[in-house]
Amino acid sequence: MTVMSSREFNQDTSGAKRAASEGPVFITDRGKPSHVLLSMDEYLKLAKKGPTVAEAFYSPGADEIDLEIPNLDGDFGFKPADFS
């Protein structure tokens, strides 16, 4: 991890890019981190998004499946709860 002040970054941009090839470069402004310089490969790793929930559960052809749900209005022998 490399830390550079804004002034150092402005004076040695090439050095900052070289350092970013080894890991993140934290750039400070008045002593506080304000920016991070990353290589493109590292950025793409962080920015890569996984599938959405809908994409994860998607099944090709599922929209053509006939689904019959049985009627559950009958008496199944269950006793109602007694809360007395």
PDB file of N, CA and C in Angstrom:
ATOM      1  N   MET A   1       0.852  -1.171   0.000  1.00  0.00           N
ATOM      2  CA  MET A   1       0.000   0.000   0.000  1.00  0.00           C
ATOM      3  C   MET A   1       0.898   1.234   0.000  1.00  0.00           C
ATOM      4  N   THR A   2       0.603   2.142  -0.900  1.00  0.00           N
ATOM      5  CA  THR A   2       1.369   3.375  -1.019  1.00  0.00           C
ATOM      6  C   THR A   2       0.472   4.556  -0.674  1.00  0.00           C
ATOM      7  N   VAL A   3       1.037   5.516   0.040  1.00  0.00           N
ATOM      8  CA  VAL A   3       0.313   6.743   0.382  1.00  0.00           C
ATOM      9  C   VAL A   3       1.103   7.913  -0.179  1.00  0.00           C
ATOM     10  N   MET A   4       0.411   8.796  -0.890  1.00  0.00           N
ATOM     11  CA  MET A   4       1.041   9.990  -1.457  1.00  0.00           C
ATOM     12  C   MET A   4       0.167  11.193  -1.140  1.00  0.00           C
ATOM     13  N   SER A   5       0.797  12.319  -0.925  1.00  0.00           N
ATOM     14  CA  SER A   5       0.027  13.558  -0.785  1.00  0.00           C
ATOM     15  C   SER A   5      -0.388  14.011  -2.181  1.00  0.00           C
ATOM     16  N   SER A   6      -1.353  14.899  -2.249  1.00  0.00           N
ATOM     17  CA  SER A   6      -1.778  15.441  -3.545  1.00  0.00           C
ATOM     18  C   SER A   6      -0.610  16.100  -4.260  1.00  0.00           C
ATOM     19  N   ARG A   7       0.219  16.786  -3.503  1.00  0.00           N
ATOM     20  CA  ARG A   7       1.381  17.462  -4.083  1.00  0.00           C
ATOM     21  C   ARG A   7       2.350  16.435  -4.676  1.00  0.00           C
ATOM     22  N   GLU A   8       2.639  15.363  -3.921  1.00  0.00           N
ATOM     23  CA  GLU A   8       3.536  14.315  -4.431  1.00  0.00           C
ATOM     24  C   GLU A   8       2.951  13.677  -5.691  1.00  0.00           C
ATOM     25  N   PHE A   9       1.654  13.434  -5.678  1.00  0.00           N
ATOM     26  CA  PHE A   9       0.998  12.843  -6.840  1.00  0.00           C
ATOM     27  C   PHE A   9       1.144  13.748  -8.060  1.00  0.00           C
ATOM     28  N   ASN A  10       0.901  15.053  -7.886  1.00  0.00           N
ATOM     29  CA  ASN A  10       1.013  16.001  -8.998  1.00  0.00           C
ATOM     30  C   ASN A  10       2.435  16.096  -9.525  1.00  0.00           C
ATOM     31  N   GLN A  11       3.420  15.955  -8.646  1.00  0.00           N
ATOM     32  CA  GLN A  11       4.818  16.072  -9.058  1.00  0.00           C
ATOM     33  C   GLN A  11       5.373  14.776  -9.637  1.00  0.00           C
ATOM     34  N   ASP A  12       4.758  13.627  -9.322  1.00  0.00           N
ATOM     35  CA  ASP A  12       5.292  12.346  -9.787  1.00  0.00           C
ATOM     36  C   ASP A  12       4.163  11.394 -10.185  1.00  0.00           C
ATOM     37  N   THR A  13       3.407  11.785 -11.196  1.00  0.00           N
ATOM     38  CA  THR A  13       2.295  10.954 -11.658  1.00  0.00           C
ATOM     39  C   THR A  13       2.788   9.609 -12.169  1.00  0.00           C
ATOM     40  N   SER A  14       3.925   9.604 -12.858  1.00  0.00           N
ATOM     41  CA  SER A  14       4.475   8.344 -13.372  1.00  0.00           C
ATOM     42  C   SER A  14       4.819   7.398 -12.231  1.00  0.00           C
ATOM     43  N   GLY A  15       5.379   7.939 -11.159  1.00  0.00           N
ATOM     44  CA  GLY A  15       5.696   7.115  -9.989  1.00  0.00           C
ATOM     45  C   GLY A  15       4.435   6.549  -9.351  1.00  0.00           C
ATOM     46  N   ALA A  16       3.372   7.348  -9.330  1.00  0.00           N
ATOM     47  CA  ALA A  16       2.100   6.880  -8.775  1.00  0.00           C
ATOM     48  C   ALA A  16       1.542   5.739  -9.621  1.00  0.00           C
ATOM     49  N   LYS A  17       1.650   5.858 -10.938  1.00  0.00           N
ATOM     50  CA  LYS A  17       1.160   4.791 -11.815  1.00  0.00           C
ATOM     51  C   LYS A  17       1.976   3.520 -11.633  1.00  0.00           C
ATOM     52  N   ARG A  18       3.279   3.659 -11.470  1.00  0.00           N
ATOM     53  CA  ARG A  18       4.120   2.482 -11.218  1.00  0.00           C
ATOM     54  C   ARG A  18       3.727   1.822  -9.901  1.00  0.00           C
ATOM     55  N   ALA A  19       3.515   2.642  -8.877  1.00  0.00           N
ATOM     56  CA  ALA A  19       3.129   2.109  -7.568  1.00  0.00           C
ATOM     57  C   ALA A  19       1.764   1.426  -7.644  1.00  0.00           C
ATOM     58  N   ALA A  20       0.849   1.954  -8.458  1.00  0.00           N
ATOM     59  CA  ALA A  20      -0.488   1.367  -8.588  1.00  0.00           C
ATOM     60  C   ALA A  20      -0.444  -0.007  -9.236  1.00  0.00           C
ATOM     61  N   SER A  21       0.601  -0.281 -10.008  1.00  0.00           N
ATOM     62  CA  SER A  21       0.723  -1.617 -10.603  1.00  0.00           C
ATOM     63  C   SER A  21       1.052  -2.662  -9.537  1.00  0.00           C
ATOM     64  N   GLU A  22       1.517  -2.212  -8.378  1.00  0.00           N
ATOM     65  CA  GLU A  22       1.840  -3.108  -7.257  1.00  0.00           C
ATOM     66  C   GLU A  22       0.714  -3.191  -6.233  1.00  0.00           C
ATOM     67  N   GLY A  23      -0.172  -2.202  -6.221  1.00  0.00           N
ATOM     68  CA  GLY A  23      -1.266  -2.172  -5.251  1.00  0.00           C
ATOM     69  C   GLY A  23      -1.890  -0.794  -5.225  1.00  0.00           C
ATOM     70  N   PRO A  24      -2.933  -0.615  -4.423  1.00  0.00           N
ATOM     71  CA  PRO A  24      -3.615   0.677  -4.390  1.00  0.00           C
ATOM     72  C   PRO A  24      -2.713   1.804  -3.897  1.00  0.00           C
ATOM     73  N   VAL A  25      -2.897   2.979  -4.478  1.00  0.00           N
ATOM     74  CA  VAL A  25      -2.168   4.176  -4.055  1.00  0.00           C
ATOM     75  C   VAL A  25      -3.195   5.136  -3.449  1.00  0.00           C
ATOM     76  N   PHE A  26      -3.032   5.412  -2.166  1.00  0.00           N
ATOM     77  CA  PHE A  26      -3.936   6.325  -1.471  1.00  0.00           C
ATOM     78  C   PHE A  26      -3.377   7.735  -1.587  1.00  0.00           C
ATOM     79  N   ILE A  27      -4.193   8.643  -2.082  1.00  0.00           N
ATOM     80  CA  ILE A  27      -3.778  10.031  -2.264  1.00  0.00           C
ATOM     81  C   ILE A  27      -4.484  10.855  -1.199  1.00  0.00           C
ATOM     82  N   THR A  28      -3.685  11.606  -0.457  1.00  0.00           N
ATOM     83  CA  THR A  28      -4.248  12.381   0.649  1.00  0.00           C
ATOM     84  C   THR A  28      -4.373  13.852   0.286  1.00  0.00           C
ATOM     85  N   ASP A  29      -5.327  14.495   0.917  1.00  0.00           N
ATOM     86  CA  ASP A  29      -5.517  15.931   0.791  1.00  0.00           C
ATOM     87  C   ASP A  29      -5.596  16.473   2.212  1.00  0.00           C
ATOM     88  N   ARG A  30      -4.620  17.280   2.568  1.00  0.00           N
ATOM     89  CA  ARG A  30      -4.496  17.805   3.933  1.00  0.00           C
ATOM     90  C   ARG A  30      -4.428  16.688   4.969  1.00  0.00           C
ATOM     91  N   GLY A  31      -3.712  15.632   4.606  1.00  0.00           N
ATOM     92  CA  GLY A  31      -3.473  14.534   5.539  1.00  0.00           C
ATOM     93  C   GLY A  31      -4.559  13.480   5.614  1.00  0.00           C
ATOM     94  N   LYS A  32      -5.658  13.684   4.898  1.00  0.00           N
ATOM     95  CA  LYS A  32      -6.754  12.714   4.929  1.00  0.00           C
ATOM     96  C   LYS A  32      -6.882  12.048   3.564  1.00  0.00           C
ATOM     97  N   PRO A  33      -7.080  10.729   3.526  1.00  0.00           N
ATOM     98  CA  PRO A  33      -7.252  10.049   2.236  1.00  0.00           C
ATOM     99  C   PRO A  33      -8.432  10.643   1.469  1.00  0.00           C
ATOM    100  N   SER A  34      -8.205  10.974   0.200  1.00  0.00           N
ATOM    101  CA  SER A  34      -9.268  11.562  -0.611  1.00  0.00           C
ATOM    102  C   SER A  34      -9.521  10.790  -1.906  1.00  0.00           C
ATOM    103  N   HIS A  35      -8.508  10.074  -2.394  1.00  0.00           N
ATOM    104  CA  HIS A  35      -8.641   9.327  -3.641  1.00  0.00           C
ATOM    105  C   HIS A  35      -7.805   8.054  -3.553  1.00  0.00           C
ATOM    106  N   VAL A  36      -8.149   7.096  -4.420  1.00  0.00           N
ATOM    107  CA  VAL A  36      -7.368   5.864  -4.524  1.00  0.00           C
ATOM    108  C   VAL A  36      -7.094   5.619  -5.997  1.00  0.00           C
ATOM    109  N   LEU A  37      -5.839   5.374  -6.323  1.00  0.00           N
ATOM    110  CA  LEU A  37      -5.441   5.057  -7.689  1.00  0.00           C
ATOM    111  C   LEU A  37      -5.227   3.549  -7.775  1.00  0.00           C
ATOM    112  N   LEU A  38      -5.902   2.921  -8.751  1.00  0.00           N
ATOM    113  CA  LEU A  38      -5.801   1.475  -8.957  1.00  0.00           C
ATOM    114  C   LEU A  38      -5.401   1.185 -10.391  1.00  0.00           C
ATOM    115  N   SER A  39      -4.798   0.019 -10.607  1.00  0.00           N
ATOM    116  CA  SER A  39      -4.579  -0.428 -11.976  1.00  0.00           C
ATOM    117  C   SER A  39      -5.942  -0.783 -12.564  1.00  0.00           C
ATOM    118  N   MET A  40      -6.044  -0.815 -13.878  1.00  0.00           N
ATOM    119  CA  MET A  40      -7.317  -1.142 -14.518  1.00  0.00           C
ATOM    120  C   MET A  40      -7.763  -2.551 -14.148  1.00  0.00           C
ATOM    121  N   ASP A  41      -6.831  -3.489 -14.073  1.00  0.00           N
ATOM    122  CA  ASP A  41      -7.186  -4.864 -13.696  1.00  0.00           C
ATOM    123  C   ASP A  41      -7.812  -4.916 -12.308  1.00  0.00           C
ATOM    124  N   GLU A  42      -7.228  -4.208 -11.354  1.00  0.00           N
ATOM    125  CA  GLU A  42      -7.773  -4.190  -9.993  1.00  0.00           C
ATOM    126  C   GLU A  42      -9.135  -3.512  -9.962  1.00  0.00           C
ATOM    127  N   TYR A  43      -9.280  -2.440 -10.717  1.00  0.00           N
ATOM    128  CA  TYR A  43     -10.569  -1.753 -10.774  1.00  0.00           C
ATOM    129  C   TYR A  43     -11.651  -2.679 -11.323  1.00  0.00           C
ATOM    130  N   LEU A  44     -11.341  -3.385 -12.412  1.00  0.00           N
ATOM    131  CA  LEU A  44     -12.329  -4.276 -13.019  1.00  0.00           C
ATOM    132  C   LEU A  44     -12.725  -5.407 -12.073  1.00  0.00           C
ATOM    133  N   LYS A  45     -11.776  -5.894 -11.280  1.00  0.00           N
ATOM    134  CA  LYS A  45     -12.110  -6.920 -10.280  1.00  0.00           C
ATOM    135  C   LYS A  45     -13.118  -6.379  -9.274  1.00  0.00           C
ATOM    136  N   LEU A  46     -12.906  -5.147  -8.831  1.00  0.00           N
ATOM    137  CA  LEU A  46     -13.814  -4.543  -7.852  1.00  0.00           C
ATOM    138  C   LEU A  46     -15.163  -4.189  -8.471  1.00  0.00           C
ATOM    139  N   ALA A  47     -15.156  -3.764  -9.715  1.00  0.00           N
ATOM    140  CA  ALA A  47     -16.379  -3.295 -10.364  1.00  0.00           C
ATOM    141  C   ALA A  47     -17.229  -4.431 -10.917  1.00  0.00           C
ATOM    142  N   LYS A  48     -16.651  -5.612 -11.031  1.00  0.00           N
ATOM    143  CA  LYS A  48     -17.384  -6.738 -11.602  1.00  0.00           C
ATOM    144  C   LYS A  48     -18.588  -7.059 -10.724  1.00  0.00           C
ATOM    145  N   LYS A  49     -19.720  -7.141 -11.365  1.00  0.00           N
ATOM    146  CA  LYS A  49     -20.950  -7.451 -10.648  1.00  0.00           C
ATOM    147  C   LYS A  49     -21.334  -8.892 -10.926  1.00  0.00           C
ATOM    148  N   GLY A  50     -21.871  -9.517  -9.938  1.00  0.00           N
ATOM    149  CA  GLY A  50     -22.379 -10.869 -10.103  1.00  0.00           C
ATOM    150  C   GLY A  50     -23.771 -10.830 -10.704  1.00  0.00           C
ATOM    151  N   PRO A  51     -24.337 -11.992 -10.911  1.00  0.00           N
ATOM    152  CA  PRO A  51     -25.680 -12.021 -11.486  1.00  0.00           C
ATOM    153  C   PRO A  51     -26.722 -11.483 -10.507  1.00  0.00           C
ATOM    154  N   THR A  52     -27.800 -10.954 -11.048  1.00  0.00           N
ATOM    155  CA  THR A  52     -28.907 -10.508 -10.204  1.00  0.00           C
ATOM    156  C   THR A  52     -29.637 -11.742  -9.686  1.00  0.00           C
ATOM    157  N   VAL A  53     -30.513 -11.556  -8.723  1.00  0.00           N
ATOM    158  CA  VAL A  53     -31.288 -12.681  -8.196  1.00  0.00           C
ATOM    159  C   VAL A  53     -32.107 -13.311  -9.316  1.00  0.00           C
ATOM    160  N   ALA A  54     -32.710 -12.479 -10.145  1.00  0.00           N
ATOM    161  CA  ALA A  54     -33.510 -13.000 -11.255  1.00  0.00           C
ATOM    162  C   ALA A  54     -32.645 -13.824 -12.211  1.00  0.00           C
ATOM    163  N   GLU A  55     -31.444 -13.349 -12.506  1.00  0.00           N
ATOM    164  CA  GLU A  55     -30.549 -14.088 -13.396  1.00  0.00           C
ATOM    165  C   GLU A  55     -30.084 -15.388 -12.756  1.00  0.00           C
ATOM    166  N   ALA A  56     -29.860 -15.372 -11.449  1.00  0.00           N
ATOM    167  CA  ALA A  56     -29.391 -16.570 -10.756  1.00  0.00           C
ATOM    168  C   ALA A  56     -30.448 -17.676 -10.780  1.00  0.00           C
ATOM    169  N   PHE A  57     -31.722 -17.307 -10.708  1.00  0.00           N
ATOM    170  CA  PHE A  57     -32.791 -18.299 -10.681  1.00  0.00           C
ATOM    171  C   PHE A  57     -33.415 -18.561 -12.052  1.00  0.00           C
ATOM    172  N   TYR A  58     -32.927 -17.889 -13.060  1.00  0.00           N
ATOM    173  CA  TYR A  58     -33.484 -18.055 -14.402  1.00  0.00           C
ATOM    174  C   TYR A  58     -33.223 -19.467 -14.909  1.00  0.00           C
ATOM    175  N   SER A  59     -34.236 -20.056 -15.483  1.00  0.00           N
ATOM    176  CA  SER A  59     -34.113 -21.381 -16.079  1.00  0.00           C
ATOM    177  C   SER A  59     -34.706 -21.313 -17.483  1.00  0.00           C
ATOM    178  N   PRO A  60     -33.891 -21.506 -18.514  1.00  0.00           N
ATOM    179  CA  PRO A  60     -34.410 -21.419 -19.879  1.00  0.00           C
ATOM    180  C   PRO A  60     -35.585 -22.383 -20.078  1.00  0.00           C
ATOM    181  N   GLY A  61     -36.646 -21.894 -20.659  1.00  0.00           N
ATOM    182  CA  GLY A  61     -37.815 -22.719 -20.937  1.00  0.00           C
ATOM    183  C   GLY A  61     -38.795 -22.825 -19.789  1.00  0.00           C
ATOM    184  N   ALA A  62     -38.477 -22.251 -18.631  1.00  0.00           N
ATOM    185  CA  ALA A  62     -39.361 -22.360 -17.467  1.00  0.00           C
ATOM    186  C   ALA A  62     -40.706 -21.702 -17.718  1.00  0.00           C
ATOM    187  N   ASP A  63     -40.754 -20.735 -18.604  1.00  0.00           N
ATOM    188  CA  ASP A  63     -42.021 -20.053 -18.877  1.00  0.00           C
ATOM    189  C   ASP A  63     -42.997 -20.935 -19.656  1.00  0.00           C
ATOM    190  N   GLU A  64     -42.539 -22.068 -20.155  1.00  0.00           N
ATOM    191  CA  GLU A  64     -43.403 -22.964 -20.916  1.00  0.00           C
ATOM    192  C   GLU A  64     -43.871 -24.166 -20.102  1.00  0.00           C
ATOM    193  N   ILE A  65     -43.525 -24.240 -18.830  1.00  0.00           N
ATOM    194  CA  ILE A  65     -43.931 -25.355 -17.973  1.00  0.00           C
ATOM    195  C   ILE A  65     -45.356 -25.111 -17.487  1.00  0.00           C
ATOM    196  N   ASP A  66     -46.204 -26.123 -17.640  1.00  0.00           N
ATOM    197  CA  ASP A  66     -47.568 -26.040 -17.118  1.00  0.00           C
ATOM    198  C   ASP A  66     -47.540 -26.476 -15.662  1.00  0.00           C
ATOM    199  N   LEU A  67     -47.945 -25.589 -14.786  1.00  0.00           N
ATOM    200  CA  LEU A  67     -47.934 -25.861 -13.353  1.00  0.00           C
ATOM    201  C   LEU A  67     -49.366 -25.877 -12.850  1.00  0.00           C
ATOM    202  N   GLU A  68     -49.772 -27.011 -12.301  1.00  0.00           N
ATOM    203  CA  GLU A  68     -51.107 -27.127 -11.740  1.00  0.00           C
ATOM    204  C   GLU A  68     -50.979 -27.176 -10.227  1.00  0.00           C
ATOM    205  N   ILE A  69     -51.613 -26.224  -9.572  1.00  0.00           N
ATOM    206  CA  ILE A  69     -51.574 -26.157  -8.111  1.00  0.00           C
ATOM    207  C   ILE A  69     -52.888 -26.716  -7.587  1.00  0.00           C
ATOM    208  N   PRO A  70     -52.819 -27.738  -6.720  1.00  0.00           N
ATOM    209  CA  PRO A  70     -54.057 -28.343  -6.216  1.00  0.00           C
ATOM    210  C   PRO A  70     -54.820 -27.392  -5.304  1.00  0.00           C
ATOM    211  N   ASN A  71     -56.127 -27.560  -5.277  1.00  0.00           N
ATOM    212  CA  ASN A  71     -56.997 -26.775  -4.413  1.00  0.00           C
ATOM    213  C   ASN A  71     -56.824 -27.272  -2.979  1.00  0.00           C
ATOM    214  N   LEU A  72     -56.540 -26.393  -2.051  1.00  0.00           N
ATOM    215  CA  LEU A  72     -56.296 -26.782  -0.662  1.00  0.00           C
ATOM    216  C   LEU A  72     -57.438 -26.371   0.261  1.00  0.00           C
ATOM    217  N   ASP A  73     -58.646 -26.320  -0.257  1.00  0.00           N
ATOM    218  CA  ASP A  73     -59.789 -25.910   0.557  1.00  0.00           C
ATOM    219  C   ASP A  73     -60.393 -27.058   1.363  1.00  0.00           C
ATOM    220  N   GLY A  74     -59.912 -28.257   1.223  1.00  0.00           N
ATOM    221  CA  GLY A  74     -60.513 -29.419   1.886  1.00  0.00           C
ATOM    222  C   GLY A  74     -60.177 -29.514   3.361  1.00  0.00           C
ATOM    223  N   ASP A  75     -60.762 -30.522   4.029  1.00  0.00           N
ATOM    224  CA  ASP A  75     -60.525 -30.786   5.448  1.00  0.00           C
ATOM    225  C   ASP A  75     -59.329 -31.725   5.546  1.00  0.00           C
ATOM    226  N   PHE A  76     -58.269 -31.279   6.167  1.00  0.00           N
ATOM    227  CA  PHE A  76     -57.064 -32.088   6.269  1.00  0.00           C
ATOM    228  C   PHE A  76     -56.910 -32.740   7.640  1.00  0.00           C
ATOM    229  N   GLY A  77     -57.931 -32.650   8.498  1.00  0.00           N
ATOM    230  CA  GLY A  77     -57.896 -33.291   9.803  1.00  0.00           C
ATOM    231  C   GLY A  77     -57.141 -32.505  10.854  1.00  0.00           C
ATOM    232  N   PHE A  78     -56.809 -31.255  10.570  1.00  0.00           N
ATOM    233  CA  PHE A  78     -56.102 -30.443  11.555  1.00  0.00           C
ATOM    234  C   PHE A  78     -57.098 -29.815  12.511  1.00  0.00           C
ATOM    235  N   LYS A  79     -56.724 -29.737  13.761  1.00  0.00           N
ATOM    236  CA  LYS A  79     -57.564 -29.077  14.760  1.00  0.00           C
ATOM    237  C   LYS A  79     -57.140 -27.618  14.849  1.00  0.00           C
ATOM    238  N   PRO A  80     -58.111 -26.716  15.002  1.00  0.00           N
ATOM    239  CA  PRO A  80     -57.728 -25.312  15.159  1.00  0.00           C
ATOM    240  C   PRO A  80     -56.982 -25.106  16.471  1.00  0.00           C
ATOM    241  N   ALA A  81     -56.111 -24.125  16.504  1.00  0.00           N
ATOM    242  CA  ALA A  81     -55.342 -23.821  17.714  1.00  0.00           C
ATOM    243  C   ALA A  81     -56.274 -23.344  18.815  1.00  0.00           C
ATOM    244  N   ASP A  82     -56.006 -23.786  20.054  1.00  0.00           N
ATOM    245  CA  ASP A  82     -56.807 -23.374  21.217  1.00  0.00           C
ATOM    246  C   ASP A  82     -55.976 -22.392  22.023  1.00  0.00           C
ATOM    247  N   PHE A  83     -56.339 -21.128  21.999  1.00  0.00           N
ATOM    248  CA  PHE A  83     -55.581 -20.086  22.690  1.00  0.00           C
ATOM    249  C   PHE A  83     -56.206 -19.697  24.027  1.00  0.00           C
ATOM    250  N   SER A  84     -57.076 -20.547  24.576  1.00  0.00           N
ATOM    251  CA  SER A  84     -57.729 -20.196  25.850  1.00  0.00           C
ATOM    252  C   SER A  84     -56.829 -20.478  27.034  1.00  0.00           C
TER     253      SER A  84
END
